[in-house]
Amino acid sequence: MPPVPPEMVRRPRLVERLLEGLSRKLTLISPPAGFGKTALLSEFFSSGETPVGWISLDADDNDPGRFWACVVYALQKLYPGAGRGSHGDD
């Protein structure tokens, strides 16, 4: 997870909205590039109170095998052993 930028403008109202979203099935954050989505999520999760698996995607992640390997790796950071047996290696 990227660190919280020191010069970041805090957004307590948006952090509160994210807290409300924890009780929902899905929270969508969809502003255009450059509007601070990554910084907001870094601020929100920096307390360490909520477990988070973070992956950053690029063009190479269009390959499904690579994408899911990244997802499994992020989950394993939270839940050791996650994904075990997914390749027949119980």
N, C-alpha and C. Protein backbone atom coordinates (compact mmCIF):
# COMPACT_ATOMS: atom_id res chain seq x y z
N MET A 1 0.84 -1.17 0.00
CA MET A 1 0.00 0.00 0.00
C MET A 1 0.89 1.24 0.00
N PRO A 2 0.60 2.19 -0.85
CA PRO A 2 1.40 3.41 -0.88
C PRO A 2 1.28 4.17 0.44
N PRO A 3 2.38 4.84 0.86
CA PRO A 3 2.29 5.62 2.10
C PRO A 3 1.42 6.85 1.91
N VAL A 4 0.93 7.39 3.02
CA VAL A 4 0.13 8.62 2.98
C VAL A 4 1.09 9.77 2.68
N PRO A 5 0.83 10.54 1.62
CA PRO A 5 1.70 11.67 1.31
C PRO A 5 1.66 12.70 2.45
N PRO A 6 2.82 13.20 2.89
CA PRO A 6 2.83 14.15 4.01
C PRO A 6 2.07 15.44 3.71
N GLU A 7 2.03 15.85 2.47
CA GLU A 7 1.35 17.11 2.11
C GLU A 7 -0.12 16.91 1.77
N MET A 8 -0.63 15.72 2.02
CA MET A 8 -2.00 15.40 1.63
C MET A 8 -3.01 16.22 2.43
N VAL A 9 -4.04 16.67 1.75
CA VAL A 9 -5.16 17.33 2.40
C VAL A 9 -6.05 16.23 2.97
N ARG A 10 -6.26 16.28 4.27
CA ARG A 10 -7.10 15.26 4.92
C ARG A 10 -8.56 15.46 4.50
N ARG A 11 -9.26 14.36 4.37
CA ARG A 11 -10.66 14.39 3.95
C ARG A 11 -11.50 13.59 4.92
N PRO A 12 -11.75 14.14 6.12
CA PRO A 12 -12.48 13.39 7.15
C PRO A 12 -13.88 12.96 6.72
N ARG A 13 -14.56 13.77 5.92
CA ARG A 13 -15.91 13.40 5.48
C ARG A 13 -15.86 12.15 4.59
N LEU A 14 -14.87 12.10 3.70
CA LEU A 14 -14.76 10.92 2.83
C LEU A 14 -14.31 9.69 3.62
N VAL A 15 -13.44 9.88 4.60
CA VAL A 15 -13.03 8.76 5.45
C VAL A 15 -14.24 8.23 6.21
N GLU A 16 -15.08 9.12 6.69
CA GLU A 16 -16.32 8.70 7.37
C GLU A 16 -17.21 7.89 6.43
N ARG A 17 -17.31 8.32 5.20
CA ARG A 17 -18.13 7.58 4.21
C ARG A 17 -17.54 6.18 3.98
N LEU A 18 -16.21 6.08 3.93
CA LEU A 18 -15.58 4.77 3.77
C LEU A 18 -15.88 3.88 4.98
N LEU A 19 -15.85 4.44 6.18
CA LEU A 19 -16.20 3.67 7.37
C LEU A 19 -17.62 3.13 7.27
N GLU A 20 -18.54 3.96 6.79
CA GLU A 20 -19.92 3.51 6.61
C GLU A 20 -19.98 2.37 5.59
N GLY A 21 -19.13 2.43 4.58
CA GLY A 21 -19.11 1.42 3.54
C GLY A 21 -18.64 0.06 4.01
N LEU A 22 -17.95 -0.01 5.15
CA LEU A 22 -17.48 -1.30 5.65
C LEU A 22 -18.63 -2.25 5.98
N SER A 23 -19.79 -1.70 6.25
CA SER A 23 -20.94 -2.55 6.56
C SER A 23 -21.71 -2.96 5.31
N ARG A 24 -21.27 -2.52 4.17
CA ARG A 24 -21.96 -2.85 2.92
C ARG A 24 -21.19 -3.93 2.15
N LYS A 25 -21.82 -4.48 1.15
CA LYS A 25 -21.18 -5.52 0.34
C LYS A 25 -20.13 -4.95 -0.60
N LEU A 26 -20.36 -3.73 -1.08
CA LEU A 26 -19.45 -3.14 -2.05
C LEU A 26 -19.44 -1.64 -1.90
N THR A 27 -18.24 -1.07 -1.97
CA THR A 27 -18.09 0.38 -2.00
C THR A 27 -17.30 0.71 -3.26
N LEU A 28 -17.85 1.55 -4.10
CA LEU A 28 -17.21 1.93 -5.35
C LEU A 28 -16.67 3.35 -5.23
N ILE A 29 -15.40 3.51 -5.57
CA ILE A 29 -14.75 4.83 -5.59
C ILE A 29 -14.34 5.05 -7.03
N SER A 30 -14.94 6.05 -7.69
CA SER A 30 -14.74 6.13 -9.14
C SER A 30 -14.44 7.52 -9.71
N PRO A 31 -13.79 8.43 -8.98
CA PRO A 31 -13.44 9.71 -9.61
C PRO A 31 -12.36 9.50 -10.69
N PRO A 32 -12.19 10.48 -11.55
CA PRO A 32 -11.15 10.39 -12.59
C PRO A 32 -9.74 10.37 -11.99
N ALA A 33 -8.78 10.05 -12.84
CA ALA A 33 -7.37 10.04 -12.43
C ALA A 33 -6.98 11.39 -11.86
N GLY A 34 -6.17 11.35 -10.80
CA GLY A 34 -5.66 12.57 -10.21
C GLY A 34 -6.53 13.20 -9.15
N PHE A 35 -7.64 12.56 -8.79
CA PHE A 35 -8.55 13.12 -7.79
C PHE A 35 -8.29 12.61 -6.38
N GLY A 36 -7.24 11.80 -6.18
CA GLY A 36 -6.83 11.41 -4.84
C GLY A 36 -7.39 10.10 -4.30
N LYS A 37 -7.80 9.21 -5.20
CA LYS A 37 -8.35 7.92 -4.73
C LYS A 37 -7.31 7.14 -3.94
N THR A 38 -6.12 7.01 -4.50
CA THR A 38 -5.07 6.24 -3.83
C THR A 38 -4.69 6.87 -2.51
N ALA A 39 -4.54 8.20 -2.49
CA ALA A 39 -4.19 8.90 -1.25
C ALA A 39 -5.27 8.72 -0.20
N LEU A 40 -6.53 8.81 -0.59
CA LEU A 40 -7.64 8.63 0.35
C LEU A 40 -7.62 7.23 0.95
N LEU A 41 -7.45 6.21 0.10
CA LEU A 41 -7.44 4.84 0.61
C LEU A 41 -6.22 4.58 1.47
N SER A 42 -5.08 5.17 1.12
CA SER A 42 -3.88 5.03 1.96
C SER A 42 -4.13 5.64 3.33
N GLU A 43 -4.76 6.82 3.36
CA GLU A 43 -5.10 7.46 4.63
C GLU A 43 -6.06 6.57 5.43
N PHE A 44 -7.08 6.09 4.77
CA PHE A 44 -8.10 5.29 5.44
C PHE A 44 -7.51 4.02 6.06
N PHE A 45 -6.67 3.33 5.33
CA PHE A 45 -6.15 2.05 5.80
C PHE A 45 -4.86 2.17 6.60
N SER A 46 -4.27 3.36 6.70
CA SER A 46 -2.99 3.53 7.39
C SER A 46 -3.09 3.26 8.89
N SER A 47 -4.28 3.34 9.47
CA SER A 47 -4.43 3.09 10.91
C SER A 47 -4.14 1.64 11.26
N GLY A 48 -4.28 0.75 10.29
CA GLY A 48 -4.05 -0.66 10.54
C GLY A 48 -5.22 -1.37 11.22
N GLU A 49 -6.32 -0.65 11.44
CA GLU A 49 -7.48 -1.25 12.10
C GLU A 49 -8.26 -2.19 11.19
N THR A 50 -8.20 -1.94 9.89
CA THR A 50 -8.93 -2.76 8.94
C THR A 50 -7.93 -3.51 8.07
N PRO A 51 -8.01 -4.84 8.02
CA PRO A 51 -7.08 -5.57 7.15
C PRO A 51 -7.31 -5.20 5.69
N VAL A 52 -6.22 -5.10 4.95
CA VAL A 52 -6.33 -4.73 3.54
C VAL A 52 -5.29 -5.50 2.73
N GLY A 53 -5.74 -6.00 1.59
CA GLY A 53 -4.84 -6.57 0.61
C GLY A 53 -4.77 -5.58 -0.55
N TRP A 54 -3.59 -5.12 -0.88
CA TRP A 54 -3.44 -4.05 -1.87
C TRP A 54 -2.72 -4.60 -3.09
N ILE A 55 -3.32 -4.40 -4.26
CA ILE A 55 -2.60 -4.73 -5.50
C ILE A 55 -2.66 -3.51 -6.41
N SER A 56 -1.59 -3.30 -7.12
CA SER A 56 -1.54 -2.23 -8.12
C SER A 56 -1.50 -2.89 -9.48
N LEU A 57 -2.35 -2.44 -10.37
CA LEU A 57 -2.47 -3.06 -11.68
C LEU A 57 -1.81 -2.23 -12.77
N ASP A 58 -1.29 -2.92 -13.77
CA ASP A 58 -0.77 -2.25 -14.96
C ASP A 58 -1.18 -3.08 -16.18
N ALA A 59 -0.72 -2.70 -17.34
CA ALA A 59 -1.14 -3.36 -18.59
C ALA A 59 -0.83 -4.86 -18.58
N ASP A 60 0.25 -5.28 -17.92
CA ASP A 60 0.60 -6.70 -17.89
C ASP A 60 -0.43 -7.54 -17.13
N ASP A 61 -1.23 -6.89 -16.31
CA ASP A 61 -2.22 -7.61 -15.52
C ASP A 61 -3.46 -7.96 -16.32
N ASN A 62 -3.43 -7.70 -17.62
CA ASN A 62 -4.51 -8.15 -18.49
C ASN A 62 -4.48 -9.66 -18.65
N ASP A 63 -3.37 -10.29 -18.30
CA ASP A 63 -3.25 -11.74 -18.32
C ASP A 63 -3.96 -12.29 -17.08
N PRO A 64 -5.01 -13.10 -17.25
CA PRO A 64 -5.76 -13.59 -16.09
C PRO A 64 -4.90 -14.35 -15.08
N GLY A 65 -3.95 -15.15 -15.54
CA GLY A 65 -3.10 -15.90 -14.62
C GLY A 65 -2.28 -14.98 -13.74
N ARG A 66 -1.71 -13.95 -14.34
CA ARG A 66 -0.91 -12.99 -13.58
C ARG A 66 -1.79 -12.19 -12.61
N PHE A 67 -2.96 -11.76 -13.08
CA PHE A 67 -3.87 -11.01 -12.22
C PHE A 67 -4.24 -11.82 -10.98
N TRP A 68 -4.69 -13.06 -11.19
CA TRP A 68 -5.12 -13.87 -10.04
C TRP A 68 -3.96 -14.24 -9.13
N ALA A 69 -2.76 -14.39 -9.69
CA ALA A 69 -1.59 -14.63 -8.84
C ALA A 69 -1.37 -13.44 -7.90
N CYS A 70 -1.57 -12.22 -8.41
CA CYS A 70 -1.44 -11.02 -7.57
C CYS A 70 -2.51 -10.99 -6.49
N VAL A 71 -3.73 -11.35 -6.85
CA VAL A 71 -4.82 -11.37 -5.88
C VAL A 71 -4.54 -12.39 -4.78
N VAL A 72 -4.11 -13.59 -5.17
CA VAL A 72 -3.81 -14.63 -4.18
C VAL A 72 -2.67 -14.20 -3.29
N TYR A 73 -1.63 -13.58 -3.85
CA TYR A 73 -0.51 -13.10 -3.05
C TYR A 73 -0.98 -12.07 -2.01
N ALA A 74 -1.85 -11.14 -2.42
CA ALA A 74 -2.37 -10.13 -1.50
C ALA A 74 -3.19 -10.79 -0.39
N LEU A 75 -3.99 -11.79 -0.75
CA LEU A 75 -4.78 -12.50 0.25
C LEU A 75 -3.90 -13.28 1.22
N GLN A 76 -2.79 -13.84 0.71
CA GLN A 76 -1.89 -14.60 1.57
C GLN A 76 -1.22 -13.72 2.60
N LYS A 77 -1.04 -12.44 2.30
CA LYS A 77 -0.50 -11.51 3.28
C LYS A 77 -1.46 -11.36 4.47
N LEU A 78 -2.76 -11.43 4.17
CA LEU A 78 -3.78 -11.31 5.22
C LEU A 78 -4.10 -12.65 5.87
N TYR A 79 -4.15 -13.68 5.05
CA TYR A 79 -4.55 -15.01 5.50
C TYR A 79 -3.55 -16.04 5.00
N PRO A 80 -2.48 -16.29 5.76
CA PRO A 80 -1.48 -17.26 5.31
C PRO A 80 -2.15 -18.59 4.95
N GLY A 81 -1.75 -19.15 3.84
CA GLY A 81 -2.33 -20.40 3.38
C GLY A 81 -3.46 -20.20 2.38
N ALA A 82 -3.91 -18.97 2.20
CA ALA A 82 -4.98 -18.71 1.22
C ALA A 82 -4.48 -19.11 -0.16
N GLY A 83 -5.34 -19.76 -0.92
CA GLY A 83 -4.97 -20.17 -2.27
C GLY A 83 -4.23 -21.49 -2.33
N ARG A 84 -3.90 -22.05 -1.18
CA ARG A 84 -3.21 -23.33 -1.16
C ARG A 84 -4.12 -24.38 -1.77
N GLY A 85 -3.60 -25.17 -2.67
CA GLY A 85 -4.38 -26.19 -3.32
C GLY A 85 -5.02 -25.71 -4.61
N SER A 86 -4.82 -24.43 -4.95
CA SER A 86 -5.43 -23.90 -6.17
C SER A 86 -4.78 -24.46 -7.43
N HIS A 87 -3.60 -25.03 -7.30
CA HIS A 87 -2.93 -25.64 -8.45
C HIS A 87 -2.78 -27.14 -8.25
N GLY A 88 -3.62 -27.71 -7.39
CA GLY A 88 -3.56 -29.13 -7.14
C GLY A 88 -2.48 -29.53 -6.17
N ASP A 89 -1.90 -28.56 -5.46
CA ASP A 89 -0.82 -28.87 -4.52
C ASP A 89 -1.31 -28.72 -3.09
N ASP A 90 -2.23 -29.59 -2.70
CA ASP A 90 -2.81 -29.55 -1.35
C ASP A 90 -1.71 -29.56 -0.34
